[in-house]
PDB file of N, CA and C in Angstrom:
ATOM      1  N   MET A   1       0.741  -0.996  -0.057  1.00  0.00           N
ATOM      2  CA  MET A   1      -0.081  -0.111  -0.017  1.00  0.00           C
ATOM      3  C   MET A   1       0.870   1.157  -0.042  1.00  0.00           C
ATOM      4  N   LEU A   2       2.071   1.221   0.565  1.00  0.00           N
ATOM      5  CA  LEU A   2       2.963   2.376   0.582  1.00  0.00           C
ATOM      6  C   LEU A   2       3.389   2.874  -0.646  1.00  0.00           C
ATOM      7  N   GLN A   3       3.598   1.805  -1.562  1.00  0.00           N
ATOM      8  CA  GLN A   3       4.018   2.062  -2.800  1.00  0.00           C
ATOM      9  C   GLN A   3       2.984   2.862  -3.795  1.00  0.00           C
ATOM     10  N   TYR A   4       1.751   2.738  -3.389  1.00  0.00           N
ATOM     11  CA  TYR A   4       0.692   3.469  -4.103  1.00  0.00           C
ATOM     12  C   TYR A   4       0.628   4.892  -3.587  1.00  0.00           C
ATOM     13  N   LEU A   5       0.960   5.063  -2.237  1.00  0.00           N
ATOM     14  CA  LEU A   5       0.943   6.376  -1.724  1.00  0.00           C
ATOM     15  C   LEU A   5       2.244   7.148  -2.428  1.00  0.00           C
ATOM     16  N   VAL A   6       3.402   6.505  -2.639  1.00  0.00           N
ATOM     17  CA  VAL A   6       4.443   7.164  -3.060  1.00  0.00           C
ATOM     18  C   VAL A   6       4.006   7.313  -4.768  1.00  0.00           C
ATOM     19  N   TYR A   7       3.484   6.549  -5.481  1.00  0.00           N
ATOM     20  CA  TYR A   7       2.878   6.845  -6.809  1.00  0.00           C
ATOM     21  C   TYR A   7       2.077   7.986  -6.846  1.00  0.00           C
ATOM     22  N   PHE A   8       1.128   8.285  -5.911  1.00  0.00           N
ATOM     23  CA  PHE A   8       0.125   9.440  -5.742  1.00  0.00           C
ATOM     24  C   PHE A   8       1.018  10.577  -5.574  1.00  0.00           C
ATOM     25  N   LEU A   9       1.891  10.573  -4.499  1.00  0.00           N
ATOM     26  CA  LEU A   9       2.855  11.782  -4.252  1.00  0.00           C
ATOM     27  C   LEU A   9       3.610  12.294  -5.432  1.00  0.00           C
ATOM     28  N   VAL A  10       4.451  11.389  -6.039  1.00  0.00           N
ATOM     29  CA  VAL A  10       5.133  11.670  -7.126  1.00  0.00           C
ATOM     30  C   VAL A  10       4.209  12.263  -8.208  1.00  0.00           C
ATOM     31  N   GLY A  11       3.298  11.739  -8.496  1.00  0.00           N
ATOM     32  CA  GLY A  11       2.512  12.236  -9.670  1.00  0.00           C
ATOM     33  C   GLY A  11       1.781  13.446  -9.430  1.00  0.00           C
ATOM     34  N   GLY A  12       1.472  13.738  -8.100  1.00  0.00           N
ATOM     35  CA  GLY A  12       0.761  14.991  -7.863  1.00  0.00           C
ATOM     36  C   GLY A  12       1.925  16.106  -7.769  1.00  0.00           C
ATOM     37  N   ALA A  13       3.060  15.862  -7.379  1.00  0.00           N
ATOM     38  CA  ALA A  13       4.193  16.614  -7.441  1.00  0.00           C
ATOM     39  C   ALA A  13       4.640  17.238  -8.794  1.00  0.00           C
ATOM     40  N   VAL A  14       4.627  16.122  -9.670  1.00  0.00           N
ATOM     41  CA  VAL A  14       4.858  16.549 -11.155  1.00  0.00           C
ATOM     42  C   VAL A  14       3.735  17.478 -11.843  1.00  0.00           C
ATOM     43  N   VAL A  15       2.455  17.193 -11.511  1.00  0.00           N
ATOM     44  CA  VAL A  15       1.385  17.988 -11.884  1.00  0.00           C
ATOM     45  C   VAL A  15       1.427  19.394 -11.323  1.00  0.00           C
ATOM     46  N   THR A  16       1.637  19.530 -10.022  1.00  0.00           N
ATOM     47  CA  THR A  16       1.813  20.668  -9.501  1.00  0.00           C
ATOM     48  C   THR A  16       2.889  21.587 -10.169  1.00  0.00           C
ATOM     49  N   ALA A  17       4.073  20.944 -10.250  1.00  0.00           N
ATOM     50  CA  ALA A  17       5.168  21.771 -10.782  1.00  0.00           C
ATOM     51  C   ALA A  17       4.633  22.213 -12.215  1.00  0.00           C
ATOM     52  N   ILE A  18       4.072  21.434 -13.128  1.00  0.00           N
ATOM     53  CA  ILE A  18       3.648  22.021 -14.323  1.00  0.00           C
ATOM     54  C   ILE A  18       2.695  23.066 -14.422  1.00  0.00           C
ATOM     55  N   SER A  19       1.873  22.851 -13.297  1.00  0.00           N
ATOM     56  CA  SER A  19       0.778  24.047 -13.340  1.00  0.00           C
ATOM     57  C   SER A  19       1.420  25.324 -12.796  1.00  0.00           C
ATOM     58  N   VAL A  20       2.392  25.225 -11.788  1.00  0.00           N
ATOM     59  CA  VAL A  20       3.088  26.496 -11.455  1.00  0.00           C
ATOM     60  C   VAL A  20       3.826  27.182 -12.687  1.00  0.00           C
ATOM     61  N   LEU A  21       4.506  26.352 -13.399  1.00  0.00           N
ATOM     62  CA  LEU A  21       5.081  26.868 -14.491  1.00  0.00           C
ATOM     63  C   LEU A  21       4.048  27.580 -15.481  1.00  0.00           C
ATOM     64  N   ALA A  22       3.099  27.166 -15.790  1.00  0.00           N
ATOM     65  CA  ALA A  22       1.922  27.803 -16.712  1.00  0.00           C
ATOM     66  C   ALA A  22       1.542  29.049 -15.766  1.00  0.00           C
ATOM     67  N   GLU A  23       1.289  28.923 -14.626  1.00  0.00           N
ATOM     68  CA  GLU A  23       0.490  30.301 -13.858  1.00  0.00           C
ATOM     69  C   GLU A  23       1.665  31.127 -13.784  1.00  0.00           C
ATOM     70  N   LYS A  24       2.810  30.916 -13.685  1.00  0.00           N
ATOM     71  CA  LYS A  24       3.879  32.046 -13.566  1.00  0.00           C
ATOM     72  C   LYS A  24       4.306  32.605 -14.993  1.00  0.00           C
ATOM     73  N   GLY A  25       3.351  32.181 -16.073  1.00  0.00           N
ATOM     74  CA  GLY A  25       3.528  32.788 -17.296  1.00  0.00           C
ATOM     75  C   GLY A  25       4.702  32.138 -18.266  1.00  0.00           C
ATOM     76  N   HIS A  26       4.759  30.871 -18.191  1.00  0.00           N
ATOM     77  CA  HIS A  26       5.716  30.084 -18.990  1.00  0.00           C
ATOM     78  C   HIS A  26       5.046  28.999 -19.641  1.00  0.00           C
ATOM     79  N   PRO A  27       4.063  29.262 -20.365  1.00  0.00           N
ATOM     80  CA  PRO A  27       3.089  28.175 -21.058  1.00  0.00           C
ATOM     81  C   PRO A  27       4.167  27.329 -21.858  1.00  0.00           C
ATOM     82  N   LEU A  28       5.079  27.764 -22.649  1.00  0.00           N
ATOM     83  CA  LEU A  28       5.913  26.988 -23.551  1.00  0.00           C
ATOM     84  C   LEU A  28       6.754  25.879 -22.643  1.00  0.00           C
ATOM     85  N   LEU A  29       7.146  26.326 -21.586  1.00  0.00           N
ATOM     86  CA  LEU A  29       7.944  25.578 -20.856  1.00  0.00           C
ATOM     87  C   LEU A  29       7.057  24.516 -20.057  1.00  0.00           C
ATOM     88  N   ALA A  30       6.058  24.891 -19.792  1.00  0.00           N
ATOM     89  CA  ALA A  30       4.942  24.002 -19.024  1.00  0.00           C
ATOM     90  C   ALA A  30       4.693  22.952 -20.204  1.00  0.00           C
ATOM     91  N   GLY A  31       4.465  23.313 -21.487  1.00  0.00           N
ATOM     92  CA  GLY A  31       4.048  22.486 -22.352  1.00  0.00           C
ATOM     93  C   GLY A  31       5.147  21.402 -22.738  1.00  0.00           C
ATOM     94  N   VAL A  32       6.412  21.874 -22.643  1.00  0.00           N
ATOM     95  CA  VAL A  32       7.676  21.047 -22.970  1.00  0.00           C
ATOM     96  C   VAL A  32       7.614  20.166 -21.694  1.00  0.00           C
ATOM     97  N   VAL A  33       7.569  20.648 -20.561  1.00  0.00           N
ATOM     98  CA  VAL A  33       7.481  19.602 -19.385  1.00  0.00           C
ATOM     99  C   VAL A  33       6.475  18.762 -19.449  1.00  0.00           C
ATOM    100  N   THR A  34       5.363  19.041 -19.749  1.00  0.00           N
ATOM    101  CA  THR A  34       4.195  18.333 -19.960  1.00  0.00           C
ATOM    102  C   THR A  34       4.404  17.009 -20.847  1.00  0.00           C
ATOM    103  N   LEU A  35       5.136  17.392 -22.000  1.00  0.00           N
ATOM    104  CA  LEU A  35       5.437  16.334 -22.790  1.00  0.00           C
ATOM    105  C   LEU A  35       6.872  15.532 -22.524  1.00  0.00           C
ATOM    106  N   PHE A  36       7.658  16.299 -21.827  1.00  0.00           N
ATOM    107  CA  PHE A  36       8.756  15.520 -21.179  1.00  0.00           C
ATOM    108  C   PHE A  36       8.265  14.246 -20.638  1.00  0.00           C
ATOM    109  N   PRO A  37       9.126  13.298 -20.697  1.00  0.00           N
ATOM    110  CA  PRO A  37       8.544  12.046 -20.272  1.00  0.00           C
ATOM    111  C   PRO A  37       8.457  11.974 -18.749  1.00  0.00           C
ATOM    112  N   SER A  38       7.862  12.988 -18.107  1.00  0.00           N
ATOM    113  CA  SER A  38       7.651  13.153 -16.715  1.00  0.00           C
ATOM    114  C   SER A  38       6.945  11.986 -16.192  1.00  0.00           C
ATOM    115  N   ILE A  39       5.607  11.869 -16.684  1.00  0.00           N
ATOM    116  CA  ILE A  39       4.461  10.862 -16.127  1.00  0.00           C
ATOM    117  C   ILE A  39       4.935   9.461 -16.767  1.00  0.00           C
ATOM    118  N   THR A  40       5.632   9.415 -18.123  1.00  0.00           N
ATOM    119  CA  THR A  40       5.931   8.093 -18.527  1.00  0.00           C
ATOM    120  C   THR A  40       7.206   7.700 -17.769  1.00  0.00           C
ATOM    121  N   LEU A  41       8.152   8.597 -17.399  1.00  0.00           N
ATOM    122  CA  LEU A  41       9.345   8.286 -16.677  1.00  0.00           C
ATOM    123  C   LEU A  41       9.103   7.788 -15.532  1.00  0.00           C
ATOM    124  N   VAL A  42       8.209   8.295 -14.670  1.00  0.00           N
ATOM    125  CA  VAL A  42       7.772   7.788 -13.433  1.00  0.00           C
ATOM    126  C   VAL A  42       7.047   6.622 -13.532  1.00  0.00           C
ATOM    127  N   SER A  43       6.000   6.318 -14.437  1.00  0.00           N
ATOM    128  CA  SER A  43       5.309   5.268 -14.615  1.00  0.00           C
ATOM    129  C   SER A  43       6.239   4.120 -14.991  1.00  0.00           C
ATOM    130  N   PHE A  44       7.090   4.244 -16.127  1.00  0.00           N
ATOM    131  CA  PHE A  44       7.954   3.131 -16.510  1.00  0.00           C
ATOM    132  C   PHE A  44       8.770   2.735 -15.400  1.00  0.00           C
ATOM    133  N   TYR A  45       9.396   3.587 -14.545  1.00  0.00           N
ATOM    134  CA  TYR A  45      10.097   3.261 -13.523  1.00  0.00           C
ATOM    135  C   TYR A  45       9.392   2.229 -12.597  1.00  0.00           C
ATOM    136  N   PHE A  46       8.292   2.662 -12.077  1.00  0.00           N
ATOM    137  CA  PHE A  46       7.543   1.889 -11.194  1.00  0.00           C
ATOM    138  C   PHE A  46       7.140   0.488 -11.580  1.00  0.00           C
ATOM    139  N   ILE A  47       6.758   0.458 -13.273  1.00  0.00           N
ATOM    140  CA  ILE A  47       6.146  -0.602 -13.766  1.00  0.00           C
ATOM    141  C   ILE A  47       7.570  -1.667 -13.810  1.00  0.00           C
ATOM    142  N   GLY A  48       8.504  -1.089 -14.310  1.00  0.00           N
ATOM    143  CA  GLY A  48       9.876  -1.878 -14.195  1.00  0.00           C
ATOM    144  C   GLY A  48      10.087  -2.541 -13.115  1.00  0.00           C
ATOM    145  N   LYS A  49      10.048  -1.652 -12.046  1.00  0.00           N
ATOM    146  CA  LYS A  49      10.265  -2.158 -10.620  1.00  0.00           C
ATOM    147  C   LYS A  49       9.337  -3.127  -9.991  1.00  0.00           C
ATOM    148  N   SER A  50       8.186  -3.063 -10.478  1.00  0.00           N
ATOM    149  CA  SER A  50       7.112  -4.032  -9.905  1.00  0.00           C
ATOM    150  C   SER A  50       6.903  -5.264 -10.868  1.00  0.00           C
ATOM    151  N   THR A  51       6.833  -5.156 -12.121  1.00  0.00           N
ATOM    152  CA  THR A  51       6.644  -5.879 -13.116  1.00  0.00           C
ATOM    153  C   THR A  51       7.539  -6.375 -14.115  1.00  0.00           C
ATOM    154  N   GLY A  52       8.569  -5.689 -14.290  1.00  0.00           N
ATOM    155  CA  GLY A  52       9.672  -6.188 -15.080  1.00  0.00           C
ATOM    156  C   GLY A  52       9.818  -5.417 -16.272  1.00  0.00           C
ATOM    157  N   ASN A  53      11.068  -5.707 -17.257  1.00  0.00           N
ATOM    158  CA  ASN A  53      11.322  -5.018 -18.367  1.00  0.00           C
ATOM    159  C   ASN A  53      10.431  -5.124 -19.471  1.00  0.00           C
ATOM    160  N   GLU A  54       9.897  -6.336 -19.627  1.00  0.00           N
ATOM    161  CA  GLU A  54       9.069  -6.570 -20.722  1.00  0.00           C
ATOM    162  C   GLU A  54       7.856  -5.858 -20.514  1.00  0.00           C
ATOM    163  N   ALA A  55       7.364  -5.705 -19.477  1.00  0.00           N
ATOM    164  CA  ALA A  55       6.104  -4.817 -19.245  1.00  0.00           C
ATOM    165  C   ALA A  55       6.220  -3.434 -19.584  1.00  0.00           C
ATOM    166  N   VAL A  56       7.571  -2.954 -19.131  1.00  0.00           N
ATOM    167  CA  VAL A  56       8.012  -1.706 -19.693  1.00  0.00           C
ATOM    168  C   VAL A  56       7.944  -1.401 -21.081  1.00  0.00           C
ATOM    169  N   ALA A  57       8.541  -2.479 -21.843  1.00  0.00           N
ATOM    170  CA  ALA A  57       8.569  -2.380 -23.396  1.00  0.00           C
ATOM    171  C   ALA A  57       7.132  -2.385 -23.882  1.00  0.00           C
ATOM    172  N   ALA A  58       6.374  -3.254 -23.213  1.00  0.00           N
ATOM    173  CA  ALA A  58       4.934  -3.346 -23.829  1.00  0.00           C
ATOM    174  C   ALA A  58       4.031  -2.010 -23.619  1.00  0.00           C
ATOM    175  N   THR A  59       4.201  -1.513 -22.504  1.00  0.00           N
ATOM    176  CA  THR A  59       3.552  -0.121 -22.117  1.00  0.00           C
ATOM    177  C   THR A  59       4.096   0.963 -23.093  1.00  0.00           C
ATOM    178  N   ALA A  60       5.310   0.848 -23.304  1.00  0.00           N
ATOM    179  CA  ALA A  60       6.050   1.908 -24.110  1.00  0.00           C
ATOM    180  C   ALA A  60       5.442   1.914 -25.469  1.00  0.00           C
ATOM    181  N   LYS A  61       5.368   0.773 -26.029  1.00  0.00           N
ATOM    182  CA  LYS A  61       4.802   0.314 -27.298  1.00  0.00           C
ATOM    183  C   LYS A  61       3.513   0.818 -27.427  1.00  0.00           C
ATOM    184  N   SER A  62       2.580   0.653 -26.237  1.00  0.00           N
ATOM    185  CA  SER A  62       1.212   1.021 -26.164  1.00  0.00           C
ATOM    186  C   SER A  62       1.156   2.509 -26.079  1.00  0.00           C
ATOM    187  N   CYS A  63       2.161   3.280 -25.427  1.00  0.00           N
ATOM    188  CA  CYS A  63       2.076   4.787 -25.572  1.00  0.00           C
ATOM    189  C   CYS A  63       2.311   5.307 -26.940  1.00  0.00           C
ATOM    190  N   PHE A  64       3.069   4.647 -27.683  1.00  0.00           N
ATOM    191  CA  PHE A  64       3.432   5.036 -28.970  1.00  0.00           C
ATOM    192  C   PHE A  64       2.394   4.857 -29.862  1.00  0.00           C
ATOM    193  N   ILE A  65       1.649   3.856 -29.836  1.00  0.00           N
ATOM    194  CA  ILE A  65       0.350   3.441 -30.400  1.00  0.00           C
ATOM    195  C   ILE A  65      -0.783   4.477 -30.187  1.00  0.00           C
ATOM    196  N   ALA A  66      -0.763   4.876 -28.806  1.00  0.00           N
ATOM    197  CA  ALA A  66      -1.884   5.676 -28.345  1.00  0.00           C
ATOM    198  C   ALA A  66      -1.707   7.088 -28.701  1.00  0.00           C
ATOM    199  N   LEU A  67      -0.566   7.477 -29.502  1.00  0.00           N
ATOM    200  CA  LEU A  67      -0.340   8.774 -29.944  1.00  0.00           C
ATOM    201  C   LEU A  67      -1.591   9.038 -30.974  1.00  0.00           C
ATOM    202  N   SER A  68      -2.096   8.026 -31.568  1.00  0.00           N
ATOM    203  CA  SER A  68      -3.081   8.239 -32.556  1.00  0.00           C
ATOM    204  C   SER A  68      -4.438   8.700 -31.812  1.00  0.00           C
ATOM    205  N   VAL A  69      -4.525   8.375 -30.524  1.00  0.00           N
ATOM    206  CA  VAL A  69      -5.628   8.870 -29.810  1.00  0.00           C
ATOM    207  C   VAL A  69      -5.326  10.210 -29.105  1.00  0.00           C
ATOM    208  N   TRP A  70      -4.157  10.598 -28.681  1.00  0.00           N
ATOM    209  CA  TRP A  70      -3.648  11.663 -28.237  1.00  0.00           C
ATOM    210  C   TRP A  70      -3.799  12.858 -29.008  1.00  0.00           C
ATOM    211  N   ILE A  71      -3.319  12.882 -30.230  1.00  0.00           N
ATOM    212  CA  ILE A  71      -3.261  13.934 -31.307  1.00  0.00           C
ATOM    213  C   ILE A  71      -4.724  14.476 -31.398  1.00  0.00           C
ATOM    214  N   PRO A  72      -5.707  13.703 -31.713  1.00  0.00           N
ATOM    215  CA  PRO A  72      -7.031  14.478 -31.821  1.00  0.00           C
ATOM    216  C   PRO A  72      -7.526  15.098 -30.682  1.00  0.00           C
ATOM    217  N   TYR A  73      -7.226  14.556 -29.479  1.00  0.00           N
ATOM    218  CA  TYR A  73      -7.547  15.049 -28.136  1.00  0.00           C
ATOM    219  C   TYR A  73      -6.764  16.578 -28.028  1.00  0.00           C
ATOM    220  N   ILE A  74      -5.531  16.602 -28.377  1.00  0.00           N
ATOM    221  CA  ILE A  74      -4.754  17.831 -28.192  1.00  0.00           C
ATOM    222  C   ILE A  74      -5.290  18.920 -29.297  1.00  0.00           C
ATOM    223  N   LEU A  75      -5.505  18.286 -30.693  1.00  0.00           N
ATOM    224  CA  LEU A  75      -5.957  19.273 -31.572  1.00  0.00           C
ATOM    225  C   LEU A  75      -7.367  19.956 -31.240  1.00  0.00           C
ATOM    226  N   THR A  76      -8.126  19.218 -30.534  1.00  0.00           N
ATOM    227  CA  THR A  76      -9.544  19.486 -30.018  1.00  0.00           C
ATOM    228  C   THR A  76      -9.353  20.681 -28.937  1.00  0.00           C
ATOM    229  N   ILE A  77      -8.469  20.424 -28.089  1.00  0.00           N
ATOM    230  CA  ILE A  77      -8.028  21.473 -27.015  1.00  0.00           C
ATOM    231  C   ILE A  77      -7.677  22.757 -27.842  1.00  0.00           C
ATOM    232  N   ILE A  78      -6.705  22.764 -28.666  1.00  0.00           N
ATOM    233  CA  ILE A  78      -6.111  23.726 -29.338  1.00  0.00           C
ATOM    234  C   ILE A  78      -7.168  24.557 -30.095  1.00  0.00           C
ATOM    235  N   TRP A  79      -8.138  23.890 -30.810  1.00  0.00           N
ATOM    236  CA  TRP A  79      -9.094  24.476 -31.596  1.00  0.00           C
ATOM    237  C   TRP A  79     -10.280  25.043 -30.765  1.00  0.00           C
ATOM    238  N   LEU A  80     -10.874  24.101 -29.647  1.00  0.00           N
ATOM    239  CA  LEU A  80     -12.066  24.502 -28.933  1.00  0.00           C
ATOM    240  C   LEU A  80     -11.793  25.573 -27.893  1.00  0.00           C
ATOM    241  N   SER A  81     -10.530  25.556 -27.179  1.00  0.00           N
ATOM    242  CA  SER A  81     -10.421  26.345 -26.050  1.00  0.00           C
ATOM    243  C   SER A  81     -10.533  27.874 -26.190  1.00  0.00           C
ATOM    244  N   PRO A  82     -10.329  28.394 -27.446  1.00  0.00           N
ATOM    245  CA  PRO A  82     -10.366  29.803 -27.532  1.00  0.00           C
ATOM    246  C   PRO A  82     -11.985  30.151 -27.964  1.00  0.00           C
ATOM    247  N   ARG A  83     -12.543  29.234 -28.624  1.00  0.00           N
ATOM    248  CA  ARG A  83     -13.936  29.335 -28.997  1.00  0.00           C
ATOM    249  C   ARG A  83     -14.945  29.041 -28.023  1.00  0.00           C
ATOM    250  N   ILE A  84     -14.880  27.999 -27.113  1.00  0.00           N
ATOM    251  CA  ILE A  84     -15.775  27.759 -26.262  1.00  0.00           C
ATOM    252  C   ILE A  84     -15.394  27.793 -24.835  1.00  0.00           C
ATOM    253  N   GLY A  85     -14.248  27.972 -24.546  1.00  0.00           N
ATOM    254  CA  GLY A  85     -13.625  28.028 -23.270  1.00  0.00           C
ATOM    255  C   GLY A  85     -12.943  26.606 -22.884  1.00  0.00           C
ATOM    256  N   THR A  86     -11.932  26.684 -21.956  1.00  0.00           N
ATOM    257  CA  THR A  86     -11.019  25.626 -21.457  1.00  0.00           C
ATOM    258  C   THR A  86     -11.966  24.431 -21.072  1.00  0.00           C
ATOM    259  N   ASN A  87     -12.878  24.537 -19.956  1.00  0.00           N
ATOM    260  CA  ASN A  87     -13.445  23.618 -19.572  1.00  0.00           C
ATOM    261  C   ASN A  87     -14.398  22.675 -20.446  1.00  0.00           C
ATOM    262  N   LYS A  88     -15.095  23.447 -21.315  1.00  0.00           N
ATOM    263  CA  LYS A  88     -15.870  22.724 -22.342  1.00  0.00           C
ATOM    264  C   LYS A  88     -14.900  22.110 -23.315  1.00  0.00           C
ATOM    265  N   ALA A  89     -13.953  22.683 -23.795  1.00  0.00           N
ATOM    266  CA  ALA A  89     -13.038  22.119 -24.813  1.00  0.00           C
ATOM    267  C   ALA A  89     -12.393  20.796 -23.881  1.00  0.00           C
ATOM    268  N   LEU A  90     -12.095  20.726 -22.773  1.00  0.00           N
ATOM    269  CA  LEU A  90     -11.595  19.720 -22.124  1.00  0.00           C
ATOM    270  C   LEU A  90     -12.580  18.483 -21.894  1.00  0.00           C
ATOM    271  N   VAL A  91     -13.870  18.748 -21.639  1.00  0.00           N
ATOM    272  CA  VAL A  91     -14.830  17.832 -21.724  1.00  0.00           C
ATOM    273  C   VAL A  91     -14.974  17.054 -23.194  1.00  0.00           C
ATOM    274  N   ILE A  92     -15.070  17.932 -24.172  1.00  0.00           N
ATOM    275  CA  ILE A  92     -15.235  17.404 -25.398  1.00  0.00           C
ATOM    276  C   ILE A  92     -13.903  16.612 -25.886  1.00  0.00           C
ATOM    277  N   GLY A  93     -12.735  17.169 -25.515  1.00  0.00           N
ATOM    278  CA  GLY A  93     -11.531  16.512 -25.886  1.00  0.00           C
ATOM    279  C   GLY A  93     -11.346  15.182 -25.206  1.00  0.00           C
ATOM    280  N   VAL A  94     -11.783  15.190 -23.928  1.00  0.00           N
ATOM    281  CA  VAL A  94     -11.630  13.823 -23.218  1.00  0.00           C
ATOM    282  C   VAL A  94     -12.735  12.807 -23.672  1.00  0.00           C
ATOM    283  N   LEU A  95     -13.906  13.326 -23.980  1.00  0.00           N
ATOM    284  CA  LEU A  95     -14.854  12.417 -24.475  1.00  0.00           C
ATOM    285  C   LEU A  95     -14.127  11.852 -26.091  1.00  0.00           C
ATOM    286  N   ILE A  96     -13.655  12.676 -26.829  1.00  0.00           N
ATOM    287  CA  ILE A  96     -13.173  12.284 -27.930  1.00  0.00           C
ATOM    288  C   ILE A  96     -11.996  11.179 -27.714  1.00  0.00           C
ATOM    289  N   PHE A  97     -11.224  11.527 -26.829  1.00  0.00           N
ATOM    290  CA  PHE A  97     -10.053  10.718 -26.328  1.00  0.00           C
ATOM    291  C   PHE A  97     -10.556   9.295 -26.041  1.00  0.00           C
ATOM    292  N   ILE A  98     -11.662   9.404 -25.034  1.00  0.00           N
ATOM    293  CA  ILE A  98     -12.221   8.049 -24.485  1.00  0.00           C
ATOM    294  C   ILE A  98     -12.990   7.194 -25.533  1.00  0.00           C
ATOM    295  N   VAL A  99     -13.633   7.852 -26.602  1.00  0.00           N
ATOM    296  CA  VAL A  99     -14.165   7.120 -27.946  1.00  0.00           C
ATOM    297  C   VAL A  99     -13.207   6.576 -28.589  1.00  0.00           C
ATOM    298  N   LEU A 100     -12.123   7.216 -28.891  1.00  0.00           N
ATOM    299  CA  LEU A 100     -11.115   6.929 -29.792  1.00  0.00           C
ATOM    300  C   LEU A 100     -10.103   5.557 -29.053  1.00  0.00           C
ATOM    301  N   ALA A 101      -9.971   5.869 -27.609  1.00  0.00           N
ATOM    302  CA  ALA A 101      -9.070   5.039 -26.986  1.00  0.00           C
ATOM    303  C   ALA A 101      -9.796   3.443 -26.911  1.00  0.00           C
ATOM    304  N   CYS A 102     -11.286   3.675 -26.730  1.00  0.00           N
ATOM    305  CA  CYS A 102     -11.979   2.266 -26.742  1.00  0.00           C
ATOM    306  C   CYS A 102     -11.940   1.811 -28.106  1.00  0.00           C
ATOM    307  N   ALA A 103     -12.022   2.438 -29.282  1.00  0.00           N
ATOM    308  CA  ALA A 103     -11.952   2.018 -30.579  1.00  0.00           C
ATOM    309  C   ALA A 103     -10.508   1.381 -30.776  1.00  0.00           C
ATOM    310  N   LEU A 104      -9.493   2.014 -30.213  1.00  0.00           N
ATOM    311  CA  LEU A 104      -8.238   1.479 -30.373  1.00  0.00           C
ATOM    312  C   LEU A 104      -7.996   0.185 -29.530  1.00  0.00           C
ATOM    313  N   ILE A 105      -8.555   0.161 -28.479  1.00  0.00           N
ATOM    314  CA  ILE A 105      -8.387  -1.148 -27.721  1.00  0.00           C
ATOM    315  C   ILE A 105      -9.438  -2.159 -28.253  1.00  0.00           C
ATOM    316  N   TYR A 106     -10.319  -1.965 -28.775  1.00  0.00           N
ATOM    317  CA  TYR A 106     -11.293  -2.873 -29.444  1.00  0.00           C
ATOM    318  C   TYR A 106     -10.682  -3.349 -30.754  1.00  0.00           C
ATOM    319  N   ALA A 107     -10.039  -2.271 -31.671  1.00  0.00           N
ATOM    320  CA  ALA A 107      -9.384  -2.675 -32.727  1.00  0.00           C
ATOM    321  C   ALA A 107      -8.029  -3.717 -32.550  1.00  0.00           C
ATOM    322  N   ASN A 108      -7.455  -3.430 -31.385  1.00  0.00           N
ATOM    323  CA  ASN A 108      -6.242  -4.285 -31.079  1.00  0.00           C
ATOM    324  C   ASN A 108      -6.626  -5.654 -30.632  1.00  0.00           C
ATOM    325  N   ARG A 109      -7.822  -5.805 -30.382  1.00  0.00           N
ATOM    326  CA  ARG A 109      -8.249  -7.390 -29.959  1.00  0.00           C
ATOM    327  C   ARG A 109      -8.108  -8.197 -31.359  1.00  0.00           C
ATOM    328  N   PHE A 110      -8.329  -7.446 -32.534  1.00  0.00           N
ATOM    329  CA  PHE A 110      -8.374  -8.028 -33.808  1.00  0.00           C
ATOM    330  C   PHE A 110      -7.134  -8.066 -34.263  1.00  0.00           C
ATOM    331  N   VAL A 111      -6.348  -7.132 -34.271  1.00  0.00           N
ATOM    332  CA  VAL A 111      -5.058  -6.887 -34.955  1.00  0.00           C
ATOM    333  C   VAL A 111      -4.055  -7.384 -34.132  1.00  0.00           C
ATOM    334  N   GLY A 112      -3.981  -7.334 -32.798  1.00  0.00           N
ATOM    335  CA  GLY A 112      -3.137  -7.825 -31.673  1.00  0.00           C
ATOM    336  C   GLY A 112      -1.761  -7.231 -32.013  1.00  0.00           C
ATOM    337  N   VAL A 113      -1.683  -5.742 -32.006  1.00  0.00           N
ATOM    338  CA  VAL A 113      -0.354  -5.156 -32.093  1.00  0.00           C
ATOM    339  C   VAL A 113       0.276  -5.190 -30.632  1.00  0.00           C
ATOM    340  N   VAL A 114      -0.582  -4.941 -29.622  1.00  0.00           N
ATOM    341  CA  VAL A 114      -0.056  -5.089 -28.246  1.00  0.00           C
ATOM    342  C   VAL A 114      -0.695  -6.187 -27.572  1.00  0.00           C
ATOM    343  N   GLN A 115      -0.032  -7.016 -27.119  1.00  0.00           N
ATOM    344  CA  GLN A 115      -0.312  -8.258 -26.320  1.00  0.00           C
ATOM    345  C   GLN A 115      -1.068  -8.001 -25.239  1.00  0.00           C
ATOM    346  N   THR A 116      -2.171  -8.289 -24.799  1.00  0.00           N
ATOM    347  CA  THR A 116      -2.801  -7.906 -23.582  1.00  0.00           C
ATOM    348  C   THR A 116      -2.768  -9.481 -22.616  1.00  0.00           C
TER     349      THR A 116
END
């Protein structure tokens, strides 16, 4: 149970740092840090520690494939935020992400790119 508390605290610290950068007027740096393998770095470390190297490789492969879901999400946020506001854009972006993620997971059952 202690390891989950550590996961929670590390993740929260990363999100807080990114938010502070954006709030202090550094959106480009916050964007770079967001895309820096901060979450994947921490996640891969803990996955490797608890499950092993093959699990890290499979998860990394899944991340690469999931870019096809993430790109429409980000494009939605870029396009809709100035038009309808951030909160509504985030809701729509997340819904698009979820629909595409479900489609990707469903399609993977047939194609089998990532072994589950």
